[in-house]
Amino acid sequence: MVKGWKDKLENHVNLNEKIFVDMKAKGNAEYDFCCFGVDGNGKLSDDRYMIFYNQKTSPKAEVSEEDIADGVRYTLNLSTIPDFINRLVFTVSIDGNKTMGEMNSLETKVYQSGAKDIEMTLGGNDFSNEKAVIAMEIYRKDVWRIGFVASGFDGGLSALLKYFGGEEVVSEPVQESVVAEPVKVSLEKKMEKAPELISLVKPLVFELKKKNLETTVARVGLVLDISGSMVPRFKNGTVQSIVNKTLPLAVQFDDDGELDFWFYGTTARKMNSVNLKNYTTAVPEDWKHLMLDLGGRNNEPIVMRMVVDEYKDTKIPAYVLFITDGGVNQKREIQNIITEASHLPIFWQFVGVGGKNYGILEKLDTMSGRYVDNAGFFALDDFKKVSNEELYARLLEEFPSWLEKIREKGMI
């Protein structure tokens, strides 16, 4: 069958017997399959009829899902579906930064024992930069009908969820309400790719909920001091721990789940973005060589200018975590950059790690002349030893009030 094809379903299968739908996607991405059971207004009025990896059956097994090679198989009992469910919408979305245009194939097959299969096969050339596809619908229009839609969406599963009127909020698991568990829908699902970081999800989600940051979209950047005094923190794993604990913020806030990353000493360098695939190698094994290349003394202004250039035209907020062990001297230039950047949607969270002489950073709360208060600072004796609960509470302490102020001023 082809895009746009429609027919009465009874012309192909027995509506009173189980009907099977197989969906398979092949390509270089992670694919998430979902069946939305929506009402006459096209809305997901009962989230128990959203069938996906974390909720594999509807309340009375009217629709259920099982994994198969390269995809999923849905089993449908149409005769038991409640009257308010008007349409079953079968979708596939990409978890990550790939697009449907890069996909090799998407196969959708409807079949039943003793009946002829109904099939549609799509390829990457049927799409471009979309992150999700509505492949097929089975819907009521006097009788049950079937239609192959093959319509793309620029967003992923979140965009589909919003399109069908669902709500994605970060919260602790809610009984019988999967849609109200975007920790499952977004963060926790994505973090499964890095099982050693899963323990970070719960404390981060708790803090996001507490500070009403559940649906915040932002770019996230990490700036790391690589001056000579940081040698002990590279050797004892503190620097890698900083990367590990910052990455979930990027996975949560940024649609692409990418963490922008800079090292700085006397000079600075923007590194490859960090993600769930490469985070274990974000701190290079030959960090000593990089330290020599970038120079041994602190020069915060040079990297701060690079960060401003990166985000000056952003249409969404940017959260920048700036890590140093001290030796901060260029007071006037740092103050000027922060003041200038107060007109941009960039928030600076400076963190001291077991060092001294933080200079102007310790006086950010009393710095005058800024359009909005756009920076915070705190110091830790040992980044690795602070609890995850305390760390995320402190990292996100001032960010919400800054967001509120820039929204009031129309900066985003």
Protein backbone atom coordinates (compact mmCIF):
# COMPACT_ATOMS: atom_id res chain seq x y z
CA MET A 1 0.00 0.00 0.00
CA VAL A 2 1.07 3.62 -0.42
CA LYS A 3 0.82 6.88 1.46
CA GLY A 4 -2.78 8.11 1.56
CA TRP A 5 -4.38 4.70 0.92
CA LYS A 6 -7.65 4.12 2.87
CA ASP A 7 -10.25 1.39 3.03
CA LYS A 8 -12.78 -0.31 5.25
CA LEU A 9 -10.85 -2.61 7.57
CA GLU A 10 -13.49 -5.34 7.31
CA ASN A 11 -12.54 -5.77 3.65
CA HIS A 12 -9.25 -7.28 4.81
CA VAL A 13 -9.65 -8.85 8.27
CA ASN A 14 -12.30 -10.23 10.61
CA LEU A 15 -13.05 -7.43 13.08
CA ASN A 16 -14.18 -9.88 15.75
CA GLU A 17 -10.84 -11.66 15.88
CA LYS A 18 -7.41 -10.49 16.95
CA ILE A 19 -5.65 -8.23 14.49
CA PHE A 20 -1.88 -7.85 14.43
CA VAL A 21 0.17 -4.80 13.48
CA ASP A 22 3.91 -5.16 13.01
CA MET A 23 6.10 -2.06 12.79
CA LYS A 24 9.81 -2.34 12.01
CA ALA A 25 12.39 0.40 11.54
CA LYS A 26 15.93 -0.07 10.31
CA GLY A 27 18.62 2.58 10.43
CA ASN A 28 21.35 4.11 12.55
CA ALA A 29 19.08 5.52 15.30
CA GLU A 30 17.11 4.44 18.35
CA TYR A 31 13.45 4.12 17.34
CA ASP A 32 10.50 4.36 19.75
CA PHE A 33 7.13 2.97 18.67
CA CYS A 34 3.83 4.14 20.13
CA CYS A 35 0.10 3.63 19.59
CA PHE A 36 -2.10 6.53 20.70
CA GLY A 37 -5.74 5.72 21.43
CA VAL A 38 -7.44 9.11 20.96
CA ASP A 39 -11.00 10.36 21.27
CA GLY A 40 -13.30 12.01 18.73
CA ASN A 41 -11.40 15.29 19.11
CA GLY A 42 -8.12 13.61 18.35
CA LYS A 43 -6.93 13.95 21.95
CA LEU A 44 -5.39 11.50 24.38
CA SER A 45 -8.13 11.95 26.96
CA ASP A 46 -7.17 8.76 28.80
CA ASP A 47 -3.41 8.24 28.96
CA ARG A 48 -3.89 4.54 29.72
CA TYR A 49 -4.46 4.17 25.97
CA MET A 50 -0.98 5.38 25.11
CA ILE A 51 0.78 2.08 24.38
CA PHE A 52 4.57 2.30 24.26
CA TYR A 53 7.76 0.86 25.76
CA ASN A 54 6.79 1.78 29.31
CA GLN A 55 3.08 0.86 29.13
CA LYS A 56 2.66 -2.20 26.96
CA THR A 57 -1.07 -2.80 27.37
CA SER A 58 -4.31 -0.87 27.71
CA PRO A 59 -6.55 -1.45 30.77
CA LYS A 60 -8.34 -4.54 29.40
CA ALA A 61 -5.72 -5.56 26.84
CA GLU A 62 -7.73 -4.05 24.00
CA VAL A 63 -4.35 -2.99 22.61
CA SER A 64 -1.08 -4.59 23.65
CA GLU A 65 2.52 -4.42 22.49
CA GLU A 66 5.41 -6.86 22.38
CA ASP A 67 8.96 -6.49 21.10
CA ILE A 68 10.05 -8.19 17.89
CA ALA A 69 13.23 -7.92 15.84
CA ASP A 70 13.72 -4.31 14.68
CA GLY A 71 10.38 -3.20 16.10
CA VAL A 72 7.13 -4.08 17.84
CA ARG A 73 3.96 -6.10 17.34
CA TYR A 74 0.58 -4.75 18.43
CA THR A 75 -2.32 -7.08 19.11
CA LEU A 76 -5.74 -5.43 18.68
CA ASN A 77 -9.11 -6.54 20.02
CA LEU A 78 -11.29 -3.95 18.30
CA SER A 79 -14.58 -5.38 19.60
CA THR A 80 -13.59 -4.49 23.18
CA ILE A 81 -12.26 -0.98 22.62
CA PRO A 82 -14.31 1.63 24.55
CA ASP A 83 -16.67 3.81 22.53
CA PHE A 84 -14.78 7.01 23.37
CA ILE A 85 -11.63 5.72 21.65
CA ASN A 86 -12.22 6.87 18.10
CA ARG A 87 -8.82 6.32 16.55
CA LEU A 88 -5.67 4.23 17.01
CA VAL A 89 -2.64 6.12 15.72
CA PHE A 90 0.55 4.17 15.12
CA THR A 91 3.77 6.18 15.30
CA VAL A 92 7.53 5.87 15.38
CA SER A 93 9.92 8.49 16.72
CA ILE A 94 13.66 8.89 17.07
CA ASP A 95 15.39 9.01 20.43
CA GLY A 96 18.50 11.08 19.75
CA ASN A 97 19.81 13.51 17.16
CA LYS A 98 19.20 11.47 14.01
CA THR A 99 16.36 12.14 11.55
CA MET A 100 13.85 10.08 9.62
CA GLY A 101 15.62 11.09 6.41
CA GLU A 102 18.57 8.94 7.54
CA MET A 103 16.40 5.87 8.07
CA ASN A 104 16.86 2.80 5.86
CA SER A 105 13.28 1.55 6.01
CA LEU A 106 10.02 1.66 7.96
CA GLU A 107 7.69 -1.29 7.45
CA THR A 108 4.09 -1.40 8.67
CA LYS A 109 2.08 -4.58 8.26
CA VAL A 110 -1.51 -5.40 9.27
CA TYR A 111 -2.47 -9.06 9.17
CA GLN A 112 -4.53 -11.91 10.55
CA SER A 113 -4.39 -15.67 10.25
CA GLY A 114 -5.91 -16.72 6.96
CA ALA A 115 -6.08 -13.18 5.57
CA LYS A 116 -3.88 -11.34 3.10
CA ASP A 117 -1.33 -8.97 4.64
CA ILE A 118 -1.69 -5.22 4.19
CA GLU A 119 1.76 -3.67 4.01
CA MET A 120 3.45 -0.31 3.48
CA THR A 121 7.20 0.26 3.26
CA LEU A 122 8.79 3.69 3.51
CA GLY A 123 12.41 4.79 3.25
CA GLY A 124 14.52 7.75 4.26
CA ASN A 125 13.83 9.40 0.91
CA ASP A 126 10.17 9.76 1.98
CA PHE A 127 11.25 12.16 4.75
CA SER A 128 13.92 14.72 5.55
CA ASN A 129 14.60 16.24 8.99
CA GLU A 130 11.54 14.86 10.78
CA LYS A 131 12.03 13.17 14.16
CA ALA A 132 8.72 11.28 14.18
CA VAL A 133 6.22 9.73 11.77
CA ILE A 134 2.54 8.87 11.98
CA ALA A 135 2.59 5.70 9.90
CA MET A 136 -0.99 4.43 10.06
CA GLU A 137 -4.39 4.95 11.63
CA ILE A 138 -7.25 2.57 12.38
CA TYR A 139 -10.32 4.68 13.01
CA ARG A 140 -14.09 4.71 13.30
CA LYS A 141 -16.15 6.34 10.55
CA ASP A 142 -19.47 4.50 10.66
CA VAL A 143 -17.29 1.35 10.60
CA TRP A 144 -13.65 0.63 11.42
CA ARG A 145 -11.40 1.91 8.65
CA ILE A 146 -7.68 1.89 7.95
CA GLY A 147 -5.48 4.57 6.46
CA PHE A 148 -1.76 4.78 5.76
CA VAL A 149 -0.76 8.33 6.65
CA ALA A 150 3.06 8.50 6.51
CA SER A 151 3.10 12.04 7.91
CA GLY A 152 6.26 13.43 9.50
CA PHE A 153 6.84 15.58 12.59
CA ASP A 154 9.87 17.80 13.26
CA GLY A 155 9.81 16.88 16.97
CA GLY A 156 10.07 13.42 18.49
CA LEU A 157 7.86 11.58 20.95
CA SER A 158 7.34 14.77 22.96
CA ALA A 159 5.99 16.56 19.89
CA LEU A 160 3.57 13.72 19.19
CA LEU A 161 2.45 13.74 22.79
CA LYS A 162 1.72 17.46 22.66
CA TYR A 163 -0.03 17.09 19.30
CA PHE A 164 -2.46 14.61 20.82
CA GLY A 165 -3.08 16.84 23.84
CA GLY A 166 -0.99 14.84 26.29
CA GLU A 167 0.99 16.44 29.07
CA GLU A 168 4.70 15.92 29.63
CA VAL A 169 5.72 16.97 33.11
CA VAL A 170 8.58 15.67 35.20
CA SER A 171 7.37 14.04 38.37
CA GLU A 172 7.70 10.99 40.51
CA PRO A 173 5.81 8.00 39.09
CA VAL A 174 2.06 8.49 39.28
CA GLN A 175 -0.14 5.43 39.57
CA GLU A 176 -1.84 4.57 36.29
CA SER A 177 -0.64 7.78 34.65
CA VAL A 178 2.27 7.11 32.37
CA VAL A 179 1.89 10.38 30.49
CA ALA A 180 2.49 12.21 33.75
CA GLU A 181 5.85 10.43 34.05
CA PRO A 182 8.16 12.11 31.59
CA VAL A 183 11.06 10.82 33.62
CA LYS A 184 10.03 7.59 31.88
CA VAL A 185 9.08 9.29 28.63
CA SER A 186 12.25 11.32 28.32
CA LEU A 187 15.00 11.40 30.90
CA GLU A 188 15.00 7.92 32.39
CA LYS A 189 14.51 6.27 29.01
CA LYS A 190 17.44 8.16 27.52
CA MET A 191 19.67 7.54 30.51
CA GLU A 192 19.24 3.80 30.02
CA LYS A 193 21.99 4.16 27.43
CA ALA A 194 24.35 5.04 30.29
CA PRO A 195 23.29 2.68 33.10
CA GLU A 196 26.11 3.86 35.35
CA LEU A 197 24.44 7.31 35.42
CA ILE A 198 20.90 6.08 36.21
CA SER A 199 21.35 6.87 39.91
CA LEU A 200 21.48 10.57 38.98
CA VAL A 201 17.95 10.59 37.56
CA LYS A 202 15.92 10.49 40.78
CA PRO A 203 17.69 13.36 42.62
CA LEU A 204 17.70 15.49 39.48
CA VAL A 205 14.02 14.88 38.77
CA PHE A 206 13.14 15.68 42.37
CA GLU A 207 14.88 19.04 42.09
CA LEU A 208 13.35 19.81 38.69
CA LYS A 209 9.89 19.20 40.08
CA LYS A 210 10.59 21.21 43.23
CA LYS A 211 11.77 24.21 41.20
CA ASN A 212 9.11 23.88 38.48
CA LEU A 213 11.68 23.22 35.77
CA GLU A 214 10.04 20.06 34.45
CA THR A 215 9.26 21.39 30.97
CA THR A 216 12.16 23.84 30.65
CA VAL A 217 14.01 23.75 27.34
CA ALA A 218 17.53 25.12 27.36
CA ARG A 219 20.97 24.64 25.92
CA VAL A 220 23.54 23.47 28.44
CA GLY A 221 27.25 24.26 28.39
CA LEU A 222 30.12 23.07 30.58
CA VAL A 223 33.35 25.04 30.99
CA LEU A 224 36.23 23.26 32.75
CA ASP A 225 39.42 24.73 34.14
CA ILE A 226 42.48 22.86 32.82
CA SER A 227 45.14 25.09 34.34
CA GLY A 228 48.10 23.51 36.14
CA SER A 229 46.50 23.57 39.59
CA MET A 230 43.75 21.24 38.34
CA VAL A 231 46.16 18.29 37.92
CA PRO A 232 45.05 16.53 41.15
CA ARG A 233 41.39 16.76 40.08
CA PHE A 234 42.13 15.19 36.71
CA LYS A 235 44.10 12.43 38.39
CA ASN A 236 41.48 11.55 41.04
CA GLY A 237 38.53 11.48 38.63
CA THR A 238 36.86 14.71 39.80
CA VAL A 239 36.83 16.17 36.27
CA GLN A 240 35.17 13.08 34.80
CA SER A 241 32.66 13.10 37.68
CA ILE A 242 31.77 16.70 36.79
CA VAL A 243 31.10 15.67 33.19
CA ASN A 244 29.01 12.70 34.33
CA LYS A 245 26.82 14.74 36.66
CA THR A 246 26.33 17.63 34.24
CA LEU A 247 25.30 15.47 31.28
CA PRO A 248 21.83 14.55 32.67
CA LEU A 249 21.00 18.27 32.79
CA ALA A 250 21.70 18.50 29.06
CA VAL A 251 19.76 15.30 28.36
CA GLN A 252 16.79 16.78 30.27
CA PHE A 253 16.86 20.38 29.04
CA ASP A 254 18.15 20.05 25.47
CA ASP A 255 16.13 18.29 22.75
CA ASP A 256 19.36 16.94 21.25
CA GLY A 257 20.71 15.82 24.62
CA GLU A 258 24.08 17.37 23.77
CA LEU A 259 26.34 19.11 26.28
CA ASP A 260 28.44 21.94 24.81
CA PHE A 261 31.94 21.66 26.25
CA TRP A 262 35.01 23.90 26.68
CA PHE A 263 38.40 23.54 28.38
CA TYR A 264 40.35 26.66 29.29
CA GLY A 265 43.73 27.61 30.70
CA THR A 266 45.74 30.49 29.26
CA THR A 267 43.85 29.87 26.04
CA ALA A 268 40.62 27.93 25.45
CA ARG A 269 39.23 25.27 23.15
CA LYS A 270 35.71 24.17 22.34
CA MET A 271 35.65 20.38 22.43
CA ASN A 272 33.26 17.95 20.77
CA SER A 273 29.80 18.06 22.31
CA VAL A 274 29.28 15.45 25.01
CA ASN A 275 26.45 12.93 24.76
CA LEU A 276 25.45 9.56 26.14
CA LYS A 277 27.65 7.78 23.64
CA ASN A 278 30.94 9.61 24.18
CA TYR A 279 30.83 11.00 27.73
CA THR A 280 33.33 8.44 29.07
CA THR A 281 35.97 9.80 26.70
CA ALA A 282 35.07 13.49 27.00
CA VAL A 283 38.07 13.95 29.29
CA PRO A 284 40.90 12.84 26.98
CA GLU A 285 43.39 10.25 28.15
CA ASP A 286 46.17 12.63 27.14
CA TRP A 287 44.73 15.51 29.16
CA LYS A 288 48.27 16.46 30.20
CA HIS A 289 49.08 17.19 26.56
CA LEU A 290 45.93 19.31 26.26
CA MET A 291 46.88 21.13 29.47
CA LEU A 292 50.27 22.02 27.98
CA ASP A 293 48.64 23.14 24.72
CA LEU A 294 46.20 25.46 26.47
CA GLY A 295 48.67 26.89 28.96
CA GLY A 296 48.96 26.67 32.70
CA ARG A 297 47.36 29.84 34.08
CA ASN A 298 43.75 30.95 34.46
CA ASN A 299 42.28 33.16 31.75
CA GLU A 300 38.51 33.15 32.32
CA PRO A 301 37.69 36.03 29.94
CA ILE A 302 38.95 34.22 26.83
CA VAL A 303 36.61 31.26 27.30
CA MET A 304 33.75 33.45 28.51
CA ARG A 305 33.92 35.36 25.23
CA MET A 306 33.73 32.04 23.36
CA VAL A 307 30.64 31.07 25.35
CA VAL A 308 28.95 34.39 24.64
CA ASP A 309 29.69 34.04 20.92
CA GLU A 310 28.18 30.53 21.00
CA TYR A 311 24.93 31.60 22.64
CA LYS A 312 24.47 35.26 21.74
CA ASP A 313 21.90 34.49 19.04
CA THR A 314 20.10 31.68 20.86
CA LYS A 315 16.31 31.81 20.97
CA ILE A 316 16.14 29.60 24.06
CA PRO A 317 17.89 30.00 27.43
CA ALA A 318 21.43 28.73 27.93
CA TYR A 319 22.63 27.31 31.23
CA VAL A 320 26.43 27.44 31.57
CA LEU A 321 28.18 25.50 34.33
CA PHE A 322 31.63 27.03 34.85
CA ILE A 323 34.09 24.99 36.95
CA THR A 324 37.32 26.41 38.37
CA ASP A 325 39.63 25.74 41.30
CA GLY A 326 40.41 29.43 41.75
CA GLY A 327 43.22 31.78 40.90
CA VAL A 328 40.67 34.15 39.34
CA ASN A 329 42.33 37.55 38.82
CA GLN A 330 40.91 39.48 35.87
CA LYS A 331 38.16 41.15 37.86
CA ARG A 332 37.33 44.04 35.56
CA GLU A 333 37.13 42.02 32.34
CA ILE A 334 35.09 39.23 33.93
CA GLN A 335 32.72 41.80 35.40
CA ASN A 336 32.35 43.51 32.02
CA ILE A 337 31.54 40.25 30.23
CA ILE A 338 28.95 39.21 32.81
CA THR A 339 27.39 42.68 32.68
CA GLU A 340 27.23 42.66 28.88
CA ALA A 341 25.86 39.11 28.87
CA SER A 342 23.07 40.10 31.26
CA HIS A 343 21.21 41.33 28.14
CA LEU A 344 21.41 37.81 26.65
CA PRO A 345 19.55 34.64 27.68
CA ILE A 346 22.70 33.16 29.27
CA PHE A 347 22.86 32.07 32.91
CA TRP A 348 26.30 31.47 34.47
CA GLN A 349 26.60 29.02 37.35
CA PHE A 350 30.16 29.21 38.66
CA VAL A 351 31.35 26.42 40.94
CA GLY A 352 34.63 26.32 42.83
CA VAL A 353 36.17 22.89 43.34
CA GLY A 354 38.51 22.62 46.28
CA GLY A 355 40.61 25.65 45.43
CA LYS A 356 41.03 29.25 46.59
CA ASN A 357 41.22 32.85 45.39
CA TYR A 358 37.89 32.92 43.53
CA GLY A 359 38.03 36.69 43.34
CA ILE A 360 35.12 38.46 41.66
CA LEU A 361 33.13 35.22 41.51
CA GLU A 362 32.52 35.44 45.26
CA LYS A 363 30.95 38.88 44.80
CA LEU A 364 28.48 38.11 42.03
CA ASP A 365 25.44 38.60 44.27
CA THR A 366 26.40 42.22 44.91
CA MET A 367 27.56 43.05 41.38
CA SER A 368 25.69 46.12 40.10
CA GLY A 369 24.98 47.44 36.63
CA ARG A 370 23.43 44.28 35.16
CA TYR A 371 20.16 44.12 33.22
CA VAL A 372 19.23 41.00 35.21
CA ASP A 373 21.08 39.00 37.86
CA ASN A 374 22.53 36.34 35.57
CA ALA A 375 25.14 34.50 37.62
CA GLY A 376 25.66 32.51 40.79
CA PHE A 377 28.62 31.01 42.63
CA PHE A 378 29.30 28.42 45.29
CA ALA A 379 32.39 26.46 46.29
CA LEU A 380 32.77 22.80 47.22
CA ASP A 381 35.60 21.17 49.09
CA ASP A 382 35.20 17.98 47.06
CA PHE A 383 32.84 17.70 44.09
CA LYS A 384 32.95 13.90 44.23
CA LYS A 385 31.84 13.68 47.85
CA VAL A 386 28.84 16.02 47.84
CA SER A 387 25.53 14.14 47.61
CA ASN A 388 23.70 14.23 44.29
CA GLU A 389 20.66 15.69 46.08
CA GLU A 390 22.67 18.61 47.43
CA LEU A 391 24.57 19.11 44.20
CA TYR A 392 21.50 19.46 41.98
CA ALA A 393 19.77 21.65 44.58
CA ARG A 394 22.70 24.05 44.49
CA LEU A 395 23.24 23.90 40.75
CA LEU A 396 19.60 24.87 40.15
CA GLU A 397 19.15 27.27 43.05
CA GLU A 398 19.25 30.57 41.14
CA PHE A 399 18.36 29.39 37.64
CA PRO A 400 14.53 29.47 38.11
CA SER A 401 14.44 33.10 39.34
CA TRP A 402 16.65 34.14 36.41
CA LEU A 403 14.29 32.38 33.97
CA GLU A 404 11.35 34.24 35.46
CA LYS A 405 13.10 37.60 35.11
CA ILE A 406 14.12 37.13 31.48
CA ARG A 407 10.59 36.01 30.60
CA GLU A 408 9.19 39.11 32.27
CA LYS A 409 11.56 41.24 30.19
CA GLY A 410 10.69 39.43 26.97
CA MET A 411 14.22 38.13 26.41
CA ILE A 412 12.89 34.69 25.40
